[in-house]
C-alpha atoms as a PDB file:
ATOM      1  CA  MET A   1     -18.850 -11.106 -17.727  1.00  0.00           C
ATOM      2  CA  HIS A   2     -17.453  -8.747 -15.135  1.00  0.00           C
ATOM      3  CA  ASN A   3     -19.827  -6.385 -13.359  1.00  0.00           C
ATOM      4  CA  LEU A   4     -18.275  -2.950 -13.802  1.00  0.00           C
ATOM      5  CA  THR A   5     -21.150  -1.039 -12.218  1.00  0.00           C
ATOM      6  CA  PRO A   6     -19.737   0.980  -9.304  1.00  0.00           C
ATOM      7  CA  SER A   7     -21.216   1.031  -5.822  1.00  0.00           C
ATOM      8  CA  ALA A   8     -22.236   4.423  -4.451  1.00  0.00           C
ATOM      9  CA  VAL A   9     -19.848   5.814  -1.852  1.00  0.00           C
ATOM     10  CA  GLN A  10     -19.900   9.060   0.091  1.00  0.00           C
ATOM     11  CA  LEU A  11     -16.867  11.202   0.790  1.00  0.00           C
ATOM     12  CA  ILE A  12     -16.989  11.586   4.579  1.00  0.00           C
ATOM     13  CA  ASP A  13     -13.888  13.655   5.278  1.00  0.00           C
ATOM     14  CA  PHE A  14     -10.188  14.049   4.496  1.00  0.00           C
ATOM     15  CA  TYR A  15      -6.980  15.632   5.731  1.00  0.00           C
ATOM     16  CA  ASP A  16      -3.718  16.643   4.100  1.00  0.00           C
ATOM     17  CA  ASP A  17      -0.945  14.133   4.738  1.00  0.00           C
ATOM     18  CA  GLY A  18       2.328  14.845   2.996  1.00  0.00           C
ATOM     19  CA  GLU A  19       3.283  16.710  -0.154  1.00  0.00           C
ATOM     20  CA  GLN A  20       0.301  16.919  -2.562  1.00  0.00           C
ATOM     21  CA  ALA A  21      -1.372  14.028  -0.742  1.00  0.00           C
ATOM     22  CA  ARG A  22      -4.553  13.547   1.253  1.00  0.00           C
ATOM     23  CA  HIS A  23      -6.006  10.758   3.335  1.00  0.00           C
ATOM     24  CA  PHE A  24      -9.658  10.227   2.395  1.00  0.00           C
ATOM     25  CA  HIS A  25     -12.463   8.598   4.391  1.00  0.00           C
ATOM     26  CA  PHE A  26     -15.255   7.041   2.315  1.00  0.00           C
ATOM     27  CA  ARG A  27     -18.402   5.147   3.247  1.00  0.00           C
ATOM     28  CA  LEU A  28     -20.422   2.712   1.161  1.00  0.00           C
ATOM     29  CA  ILE A  29     -23.950   4.061   0.974  1.00  0.00           C
ATOM     30  CA  GLY A  30     -26.469   1.657   2.475  1.00  0.00           C
ATOM     31  CA  ALA A  31     -23.844  -0.844   3.603  1.00  0.00           C
ATOM     32  CA  SER A  32     -25.337  -1.410   7.056  1.00  0.00           C
ATOM     33  CA  GLU A  33     -28.894  -1.823   5.696  1.00  0.00           C
ATOM     34  CA  SER A  34     -28.113  -4.060   2.722  1.00  0.00           C
ATOM     35  CA  GLN A  35     -25.156  -6.319   3.380  1.00  0.00           C
ATOM     36  CA  SER A  36     -25.964  -8.536   0.385  1.00  0.00           C
ATOM     37  CA  SER A  37     -25.499  -5.733  -2.136  1.00  0.00           C
ATOM     38  CA  HIS A  38     -22.025  -5.019  -0.767  1.00  0.00           C
ATOM     39  CA  SER A  39     -20.981  -8.597   0.002  1.00  0.00           C
ATOM     40  CA  ASP A  40     -17.666  -8.331  -1.873  1.00  0.00           C
ATOM     41  CA  TRP A  41     -16.729  -5.258   0.139  1.00  0.00           C
ATOM     42  CA  GLN A  42     -17.116  -7.193   3.393  1.00  0.00           C
ATOM     43  CA  HIS A  43     -14.228  -9.510   2.495  1.00  0.00           C
ATOM     44  CA  VAL A  44     -11.515  -7.098   1.388  1.00  0.00           C
ATOM     45  CA  LYS A  45      -7.957  -8.264   2.054  1.00  0.00           C
ATOM     46  CA  THR A  46      -5.234  -5.822   2.950  1.00  0.00           C
ATOM     47  CA  GLY A  47      -3.134  -5.159  -0.133  1.00  0.00           C
ATOM     48  CA  GLN A  48      -6.078  -5.229  -2.540  1.00  0.00           C
ATOM     49  CA  PHE A  49      -7.252  -2.120  -4.408  1.00  0.00           C
ATOM     50  CA  PHE A  50     -10.414  -0.472  -5.706  1.00  0.00           C
ATOM     51  CA  MET A  51     -11.347   1.748  -8.646  1.00  0.00           C
ATOM     52  CA  LEU A  52     -12.635   5.161  -7.577  1.00  0.00           C
ATOM     53  CA  CYS A  53     -15.122   6.632 -10.058  1.00  0.00           C
ATOM     54  CA  LEU A  54     -15.695  10.371 -10.412  1.00  0.00           C
ATOM     55  CA  PRO A  55     -18.726  11.073 -12.614  1.00  0.00           C
ATOM     56  CA  GLU A  56     -17.851  12.906 -15.843  1.00  0.00           C
ATOM     57  CA  VAL A  57     -14.128  12.719 -14.984  1.00  0.00           C
ATOM     58  CA  GLY A  58     -12.951   9.112 -14.951  1.00  0.00           C
ATOM     59  CA  GLU A  59     -11.626   6.303 -12.778  1.00  0.00           C
ATOM     60  CA  ALA A  60      -8.347   5.566 -11.027  1.00  0.00           C
ATOM     61  CA  PRO A  61      -7.070   2.726  -8.800  1.00  0.00           C
ATOM     62  CA  PHE A  62      -6.241   3.221  -5.123  1.00  0.00           C
ATOM     63  CA  THR A  63      -5.206   0.872  -2.381  1.00  0.00           C
ATOM     64  CA  PHE A  64      -7.024   0.561   0.926  1.00  0.00           C
ATOM     65  CA  THR A  65      -5.246   2.003   3.946  1.00  0.00           C
ATOM     66  CA  GLN A  66      -8.238   0.815   5.960  1.00  0.00           C
ATOM     67  CA  VAL A  67     -10.447  -1.929   4.534  1.00  0.00           C
ATOM     68  CA  PRO A  68     -14.242  -1.514   4.822  1.00  0.00           C
ATOM     69  CA  ASP A  69     -15.690  -2.162   8.267  1.00  0.00           C
ATOM     70  CA  GLU A  70     -19.196  -3.492   8.967  1.00  0.00           C
ATOM     71  CA  ASP A  71     -20.638  -0.023   8.326  1.00  0.00           C
ATOM     72  CA  GLY A  72     -18.831   0.372   5.008  1.00  0.00           C
ATOM     73  CA  ASN A  73     -16.212   2.873   6.179  1.00  0.00           C
ATOM     74  CA  PHE A  74     -12.864   2.670   4.401  1.00  0.00           C
ATOM     75  CA  ARG A  75      -9.856   4.894   3.780  1.00  0.00           C
ATOM     76  CA  ALA A  76      -7.310   5.572   1.054  1.00  0.00           C
ATOM     77  CA  LEU A  77      -4.255   7.777   0.653  1.00  0.00           C
ATOM     78  CA  VAL A  78      -4.358   9.752  -2.603  1.00  0.00           C
ATOM     79  CA  ARG A  79      -1.565  11.744  -4.183  1.00  0.00           C
ATOM     80  CA  ARG A  80      -2.616  14.486  -6.625  1.00  0.00           C
ATOM     81  CA  MET A  81      -1.130  13.536  -9.991  1.00  0.00           C
ATOM     82  CA  GLY A  82      -3.700  13.545 -12.832  1.00  0.00           C
ATOM     83  CA  SER A  83      -7.217  14.572 -13.831  1.00  0.00           C
ATOM     84  CA  VAL A  84      -9.043  12.159 -11.506  1.00  0.00           C
ATOM     85  CA  THR A  85      -7.033  12.994  -8.410  1.00  0.00           C
ATOM     86  CA  SER A  86      -7.107  16.736  -9.184  1.00  0.00           C
ATOM     87  CA  ALA A  87     -10.893  16.582  -9.419  1.00  0.00           C
ATOM     88  CA  LEU A  88     -11.082  14.569  -6.206  1.00  0.00           C
ATOM     89  CA  PHE A  89      -9.073  17.236  -4.348  1.00  0.00           C
ATOM     90  CA  LYS A  90     -11.690  19.827  -5.320  1.00  0.00           C
ATOM     91  CA  LEU A  91     -14.595  17.919  -3.758  1.00  0.00           C
ATOM     92  CA  GLU A  92     -16.146  18.674  -0.403  1.00  0.00           C
ATOM     93  CA  ALA A  93     -17.279  16.222   2.252  1.00  0.00           C
ATOM     94  CA  GLY A  94     -20.730  14.797   1.621  1.00  0.00           C
ATOM     95  CA  GLN A  95     -20.445  14.328  -2.129  1.00  0.00           C
ATOM     96  CA  VAL A  96     -21.318  10.961  -3.666  1.00  0.00           C
ATOM     97  CA  LEU A  97     -18.883   9.057  -5.896  1.00  0.00           C
ATOM     98  CA  GLY A  98     -18.605   5.513  -7.203  1.00  0.00           C
ATOM     99  CA  ALA A  99     -16.250   2.664  -6.367  1.00  0.00           C
ATOM    100  CA  ARG A 100     -15.624  -0.759  -7.918  1.00  0.00           C
ATOM    101  CA  GLY A 101     -13.852  -3.617  -6.261  1.00  0.00           C
ATOM    102  CA  PRO A 102     -12.184  -5.059  -4.378  1.00  0.00           C
ATOM    103  CA  TYR A 103      -9.642  -6.209  -6.941  1.00  0.00           C
ATOM    104  CA  GLY A 104      -6.316  -8.006  -7.018  1.00  0.00           C
ATOM    105  CA  ILE A 105      -4.376 -10.255  -4.692  1.00  0.00           C
ATOM    106  CA  GLY A 106      -3.541  -8.981  -1.228  1.00  0.00           C
ATOM    107  CA  TRP A 107      -0.667  -9.725   1.116  1.00  0.00           C
ATOM    108  CA  PRO A 108      -0.177 -13.417   2.086  1.00  0.00           C
ATOM    109  CA  MET A 109      -1.475 -13.071   5.647  1.00  0.00           C
ATOM    110  CA  ASP A 110      -1.531 -16.848   6.131  1.00  0.00           C
ATOM    111  CA  LYS A 111       2.253 -16.958   5.610  1.00  0.00           C
ATOM    112  CA  ILE A 112       3.021 -13.991   7.881  1.00  0.00           C
ATOM    113  CA  ALA A 113       1.586 -15.040  11.244  1.00  0.00           C
ATOM    114  CA  ASP A 114       4.081 -15.465  14.090  1.00  0.00           C
ATOM    115  CA  LYS A 115       7.057 -14.612  11.897  1.00  0.00           C
ATOM    116  CA  ARG A 116       9.943 -12.150  11.953  1.00  0.00           C
ATOM    117  CA  ILE A 117       8.650  -9.510   9.541  1.00  0.00           C
ATOM    118  CA  LEU A 118      10.403  -6.608   7.819  1.00  0.00           C
ATOM    119  CA  VAL A 119       8.185  -4.007   6.145  1.00  0.00           C
ATOM    120  CA  VAL A 120       9.688  -1.386   3.810  1.00  0.00           C
ATOM    121  CA  GLY A 121       7.704   1.409   2.151  1.00  0.00           C
ATOM    122  CA  GLY A 122       8.728   4.389   0.072  1.00  0.00           C
ATOM    123  CA  GLY A 123       6.716   7.598  -0.367  1.00  0.00           C
ATOM    124  CA  CYS A 124       3.007   6.981  -0.924  1.00  0.00           C
ATOM    125  CA  GLY A 125       3.973   3.343  -1.546  1.00  0.00           C
ATOM    126  CA  LEU A 126       3.612   2.743   2.165  1.00  0.00           C
ATOM    127  CA  ALA A 127      -0.189   2.908   1.709  1.00  0.00           C
ATOM    128  CA  PRO A 128      -0.700  -0.780   0.736  1.00  0.00           C
ATOM    129  CA  LEU A 129       1.119  -1.790   3.931  1.00  0.00           C
ATOM    130  CA  VAL A 130      -0.808   0.348   6.422  1.00  0.00           C
ATOM    131  CA  GLY A 131      -3.677  -2.058   7.007  1.00  0.00           C
ATOM    132  CA  LEU A 132      -1.276  -4.969   7.340  1.00  0.00           C
ATOM    133  CA  VAL A 133       0.902  -3.261   9.964  1.00  0.00           C
ATOM    134  CA  ASP A 134      -2.175  -2.067  11.873  1.00  0.00           C
ATOM    135  CA  LYS A 135      -3.599  -5.593  11.911  1.00  0.00           C
ATOM    136  CA  LEU A 136      -0.347  -7.207  13.038  1.00  0.00           C
ATOM    137  CA  ILE A 137       0.072  -4.719  15.884  1.00  0.00           C
ATOM    138  CA  GLU A 138      -3.558  -5.028  16.944  1.00  0.00           C
ATOM    139  CA  GLN A 139      -3.441  -8.833  17.030  1.00  0.00           C
ATOM    140  CA  GLN A 140       0.185  -9.055  18.247  1.00  0.00           C
ATOM    141  CA  ASN A 141       0.523 -11.663  15.530  1.00  0.00           C
ATOM    142  CA  TYR A 142       4.289 -11.578  14.965  1.00  0.00           C
ATOM    143  CA  THR A 143       7.576 -12.634  16.521  1.00  0.00           C
ATOM    144  CA  GLN A 144       9.316  -9.413  15.473  1.00  0.00           C
ATOM    145  CA  LEU A 145       8.075  -6.550  13.329  1.00  0.00           C
ATOM    146  CA  THR A 146      10.092  -3.611  12.003  1.00  0.00           C
ATOM    147  CA  VAL A 147       9.088  -0.866   9.561  1.00  0.00           C
ATOM    148  CA  VAL A 148      11.440   1.158   7.362  1.00  0.00           C
ATOM    149  CA  TYR A 149       9.998   4.192   5.569  1.00  0.00           C
ATOM    150  CA  GLY A 150      11.731   6.369   2.994  1.00  0.00           C
ATOM    151  CA  ALA A 151      10.867   9.834   1.623  1.00  0.00           C
ATOM    152  CA  ARG A 152      12.638  12.340  -0.622  1.00  0.00           C
ATOM    153  CA  ASN A 153      12.494  15.035   2.039  1.00  0.00           C
ATOM    154  CA  ARG A 154      10.675  15.818   5.274  1.00  0.00           C
ATOM    155  CA  GLN A 155       7.843  17.620   3.464  1.00  0.00           C
ATOM    156  CA  ALA A 156       7.168  14.540   1.323  1.00  0.00           C
ATOM    157  CA  LYS A 157       6.680  12.207   4.293  1.00  0.00           C
ATOM    158  CA  MET A 158       3.206  10.680   4.241  1.00  0.00           C
ATOM    159  CA  LEU A 159       1.061   8.649   6.616  1.00  0.00           C
ATOM    160  CA  ASN A 160       2.518  10.572   9.524  1.00  0.00           C
ATOM    161  CA  PRO A 161      -0.186   9.706  12.115  1.00  0.00           C
ATOM    162  CA  GLU A 162       0.128   6.007  11.306  1.00  0.00           C
ATOM    163  CA  ARG A 163       3.896   5.911  11.691  1.00  0.00           C
ATOM    164  CA  ALA A 164       3.740   7.913  14.907  1.00  0.00           C
ATOM    165  CA  LYS A 165       1.286   5.376  16.324  1.00  0.00           C
ATOM    166  CA  TRP A 166       3.408   2.397  15.234  1.00  0.00           C
ATOM    167  CA  GLN A 167       6.477   3.816  16.957  1.00  0.00           C
ATOM    168  CA  GLN A 168       4.761   3.243  20.291  1.00  0.00           C
ATOM    169  CA  TYR A 169       4.858  -0.508  19.675  1.00  0.00           C
ATOM    170  CA  ILE A 170       7.553  -1.427  17.143  1.00  0.00           C
ATOM    171  CA  PRO A 171      10.815  -0.047  15.707  1.00  0.00           C
ATOM    172  CA  VAL A 172      10.226   2.402  12.846  1.00  0.00           C
ATOM    173  CA  PHE A 173      13.159   3.761  10.834  1.00  0.00           C
ATOM    174  CA  ASN A 174      12.190   6.970   8.996  1.00  0.00           C
ATOM    175  CA  MET A 175      14.636   7.721   6.202  1.00  0.00           C
ATOM    176  CA  VAL A 176      14.995  11.170   4.589  1.00  0.00           C
ATOM    177  CA  GLU A 177      16.907  11.002   1.336  1.00  0.00           C
ATOM    178  CA  ASN A 178      18.089  14.630   1.165  1.00  0.00           C
ATOM    179  CA  GLY A 179      19.548  14.432   4.662  1.00  0.00           C
ATOM    180  CA  GLU A 180      17.398  17.158   6.259  1.00  0.00           C
ATOM    181  CA  THR A 181      16.560  15.363   9.488  1.00  0.00           C
ATOM    182  CA  ASN A 182      15.763  16.967  12.821  1.00  0.00           C
ATOM    183  CA  GLY A 183      16.901  14.164  15.085  1.00  0.00           C
ATOM    184  CA  ASP A 184      13.365  13.313  16.166  1.00  0.00           C
ATOM    185  CA  GLU A 185      10.910  10.537  15.317  1.00  0.00           C
ATOM    186  CA  ASN A 186      13.692   8.037  14.621  1.00  0.00           C
ATOM    187  CA  GLU A 187      14.731   9.965  11.511  1.00  0.00           C
ATOM    188  CA  TYR A 188      17.872   9.003   9.625  1.00  0.00           C
ATOM    189  CA  SER A 189      19.627  10.446   6.602  1.00  0.00           C
ATOM    190  CA  GLY A 190      19.655   8.359   3.438  1.00  0.00           C
ATOM    191  CA  THR A 191      17.515   5.739   1.752  1.00  0.00           C
ATOM    192  CA  PRO A 192      16.016   2.489   3.081  1.00  0.00           C
ATOM    193  CA  ILE A 193      18.894   0.499   1.606  1.00  0.00           C
ATOM    194  CA  ASP A 194      21.402   2.695   3.476  1.00  0.00           C
ATOM    195  CA  ILE A 195      19.938   1.716   6.842  1.00  0.00           C
ATOM    196  CA  MET A 196      19.450  -1.937   5.947  1.00  0.00           C
ATOM    197  CA  PRO A 197      22.605  -3.329   7.624  1.00  0.00           C
ATOM    198  CA  THR A 198      21.535  -1.745  10.925  1.00  0.00           C
ATOM    199  CA  VAL A 199      17.963  -2.977  10.508  1.00  0.00           C
ATOM    200  CA  LEU A 200      18.974  -6.544   9.684  1.00  0.00           C
ATOM    201  CA  ASP A 201      21.406  -6.643  12.601  1.00  0.00           C
ATOM    202  CA  SER A 202      18.533  -5.647  14.918  1.00  0.00           C
ATOM    203  CA  PHE A 203      16.696  -8.854  14.004  1.00  0.00           C
ATOM    204  CA  GLY A 204      19.342 -11.206  15.376  1.00  0.00           C
ATOM    205  CA  GLU A 205      18.173 -13.869  12.940  1.00  0.00           C
ATOM    206  CA  LEU A 206      17.236 -12.863   9.410  1.00  0.00           C
ATOM    207  CA  PRO A 207      13.603 -11.860   8.784  1.00  0.00           C
ATOM    208  CA  ASP A 208      11.310 -14.703   7.747  1.00  0.00           C
ATOM    209  CA  ILE A 209       9.183 -12.417   5.555  1.00  0.00           C
ATOM    210  CA  VAL A 210       9.929  -9.114   3.802  1.00  0.00           C
ATOM    211  CA  LEU A 211       7.154  -6.927   2.384  1.00  0.00           C
ATOM    212  CA  LEU A 212       8.045  -4.094   0.004  1.00  0.00           C
ATOM    213  CA  ALA A 213       5.964  -1.284  -1.512  1.00  0.00           C
ATOM    214  CA  GLY A 214       7.049   1.938  -3.176  1.00  0.00           C
ATOM    215  CA  PRO A 215       9.025   3.071  -6.229  1.00  0.00           C
ATOM    216  CA  GLU A 216      10.056   0.091  -8.320  1.00  0.00           C
ATOM    217  CA  ALA A 217      13.738   1.061  -8.403  1.00  0.00           C
ATOM    218  CA  MET A 218      13.751   1.048  -4.596  1.00  0.00           C
ATOM    219  CA  MET A 219      11.909  -2.274  -4.318  1.00  0.00           C
ATOM    220  CA  PHE A 220      13.933  -4.106  -6.952  1.00  0.00           C
ATOM    221  CA  GLY A 221      17.226  -2.836  -5.535  1.00  0.00           C
ATOM    222  CA  LEU A 222      16.200  -3.851  -2.022  1.00  0.00           C
ATOM    223  CA  ALA A 223      15.016  -7.276  -3.154  1.00  0.00           C
ATOM    224  CA  GLU A 224      18.343  -7.987  -4.846  1.00  0.00           C
ATOM    225  CA  TYR A 225      20.249  -6.653  -1.828  1.00  0.00           C
ATOM    226  CA  LEU A 226      18.281  -8.838   0.592  1.00  0.00           C
ATOM    227  CA  VAL A 227      18.741 -11.979  -1.507  1.00  0.00           C
ATOM    228  CA  ALA A 228      22.480 -11.320  -1.618  1.00  0.00           C
ATOM    229  CA  TYR A 229      22.357 -10.895   2.172  1.00  0.00           C
ATOM    230  CA  GLY A 230      20.898 -14.396   2.544  1.00  0.00           C
ATOM    231  CA  ILE A 231      17.114 -13.947   2.522  1.00  0.00           C
ATOM    232  CA  SER A 232      15.269 -16.323   0.198  1.00  0.00           C
ATOM    233  CA  ASP A 233      13.597 -14.783  -2.836  1.00  0.00           C
ATOM    234  CA  HIS A 234      10.563 -16.923  -1.880  1.00  0.00           C
ATOM    235  CA  SER A 235      10.241 -14.831   1.305  1.00  0.00           C
ATOM    236  CA  ILE A 236      10.095 -11.393  -0.348  1.00  0.00           C
ATOM    237  CA  TYR A 237       6.780  -9.913  -1.516  1.00  0.00           C
ATOM    238  CA  LEU A 238       6.296  -6.687  -3.487  1.00  0.00           C
ATOM    239  CA  SER A 239       3.275  -4.527  -4.312  1.00  0.00           C
ATOM    240  CA  ILE A 240       3.508  -3.305  -7.912  1.00  0.00           C
ATOM    241  CA  GLU A 241       1.830  -0.150  -9.178  1.00  0.00           C
ATOM    242  CA  ARG A 242       0.586   0.204 -12.753  1.00  0.00           C
ATOM    243  CA  ARG A 243      -1.863   2.414 -14.624  1.00  0.00           C
ATOM    244  CA  MET A 244      -5.069   0.358 -14.503  1.00  0.00           C
ATOM    245  CA  HIS A 245      -8.120   1.239 -16.596  1.00  0.00           C
ATOM    246  CA  CYS A 246     -10.399  -1.733 -15.942  1.00  0.00           C
ATOM    247  CA  GLY A 247      -9.083  -3.573 -12.863  1.00  0.00           C
ATOM    248  CA  VAL A 248     -10.264  -6.936 -14.185  1.00  0.00           C
ATOM    249  CA  GLY A 249      -7.625  -7.976 -16.732  1.00  0.00           C
ATOM    250  CA  THR A 250      -9.338  -6.956 -19.978  1.00  0.00           C
ATOM    251  CA  CYS A 251      -7.854  -3.609 -21.074  1.00  0.00           C
ATOM    252  CA  GLY A 252      -4.195  -4.696 -21.016  1.00  0.00           C
ATOM    253  CA  HIS A 253      -2.781  -1.419 -19.670  1.00  0.00           C
ATOM    254  CA  CYS A 254      -1.100  -3.148 -16.716  1.00  0.00           C
ATOM    255  CA  TYR A 255       0.262  -6.121 -18.707  1.00  0.00           C
ATOM    256  CA  THR A 256       3.808  -7.196 -17.789  1.00  0.00           C
ATOM    257  CA  LYS A 257       4.988  -9.941 -20.131  1.00  0.00           C
ATOM    258  CA  SER A 258       2.599 -12.787 -19.207  1.00  0.00           C
ATOM    259  CA  LYS A 259       1.037 -11.199 -16.099  1.00  0.00           C
ATOM    260  CA  TYR A 260      -1.682  -8.656 -15.441  1.00  0.00           C
ATOM    261  CA  VAL A 261      -0.901  -6.569 -12.366  1.00  0.00           C
ATOM    262  CA  CYS A 262      -4.597  -5.996 -11.648  1.00  0.00           C
ATOM    263  CA  THR A 263      -5.550  -9.691 -11.477  1.00  0.00           C
ATOM    264  CA  ASP A 264      -2.269 -11.579 -10.910  1.00  0.00           C
ATOM    265  CA  GLY A 265      -1.077  -8.894  -8.467  1.00  0.00           C
ATOM    266  CA  PRO A 266      -0.598  -6.230  -7.321  1.00  0.00           C
ATOM    267  CA  THR A 267       1.181  -8.413  -4.740  1.00  0.00           C
ATOM    268  CA  PHE A 268       3.871 -10.662  -6.203  1.00  0.00           C
ATOM    269  CA  ARG A 269       6.540 -12.904  -4.727  1.00  0.00           C
ATOM    270  CA  TRP A 270      10.006 -11.823  -5.822  1.00  0.00           C
ATOM    271  CA  ASP A 271      11.102 -15.176  -7.287  1.00  0.00           C
ATOM    272  CA  GLU A 272       8.003 -15.119  -9.518  1.00  0.00           C
ATOM    273  CA  LEU A 273       7.986 -11.421 -10.370  1.00  0.00           C
ATOM    274  CA  LYS A 274      11.602 -11.017 -11.457  1.00  0.00           C
ATOM    275  CA  GLN A 275      11.206 -13.410 -14.381  1.00  0.00           C
ATOM    276  CA  TYR A 276       8.499 -11.181 -15.856  1.00  0.00           C
ATOM    277  CA  LEU A 277      10.520  -7.964 -15.657  1.00  0.00           C
ATOM    278  CA  PRO A 278      12.551  -6.440 -18.499  1.00  0.00           C
ATOM    279  CA  ALA A 279      16.167  -7.587 -18.427  1.00  0.00           C
ATOM    280  CA  ASN A 280      17.428  -3.987 -18.613  1.00  0.00           C
ATOM    281  CA  ARG A 281      15.364  -2.645 -15.706  1.00  0.00           C
END
């Protein structure tokens, strides 16, 4: 039986980051005093997710932008979309919530080390990649690392502090779909796929690993483009988003043919994922 009892977490602070989005800082209550009761939270892998529980409102899944540290501090980007997120946006710092997790399969960090890595995120879909990029830059654990980020417009750009920090160390291509760029911050007009020839040429050799997160139409189109360009479908990984009610593979809301996104994902390799997708996607 799965233990679905949430751990107590405190909302420490937050700041607005993009259109209808906030970056939240949480802390596991009692984490530093009782490591055993939060043992699962001490081994979170970047790319995994957790269920945030608001009493008398409901639960919703969110990815970690910063995995829990030894004191239980962790972060998540949240976009206001439904009842749970709307209620969360009304809370003040200091209030106590619940959290279950960590759940799912994270990014394949063992396959990424010392490789040429291309990271592509769209909208709030960049969130599952934040911890990975931070870790790679901190450890200098790559041969080449480039990030491409796409947003509908300048107001919808999220994770602005993170991208600004990355630009001090690696190339970051910020794409604005509606074309309203200001010429700063490496901004370009168009979508991530529009800039892809320039990005791939900057690698010299093709990337060894490609990591994608964002709207499915963007990810699937990019994956097919990159395979046609010569990158193996075994080298492309995607983070899939679904409405998850349980997080442990029992409710069936995230079922995709023979896979549960919450337990078999949310990270999938493209050669495996594409066979479980509808033919008319």
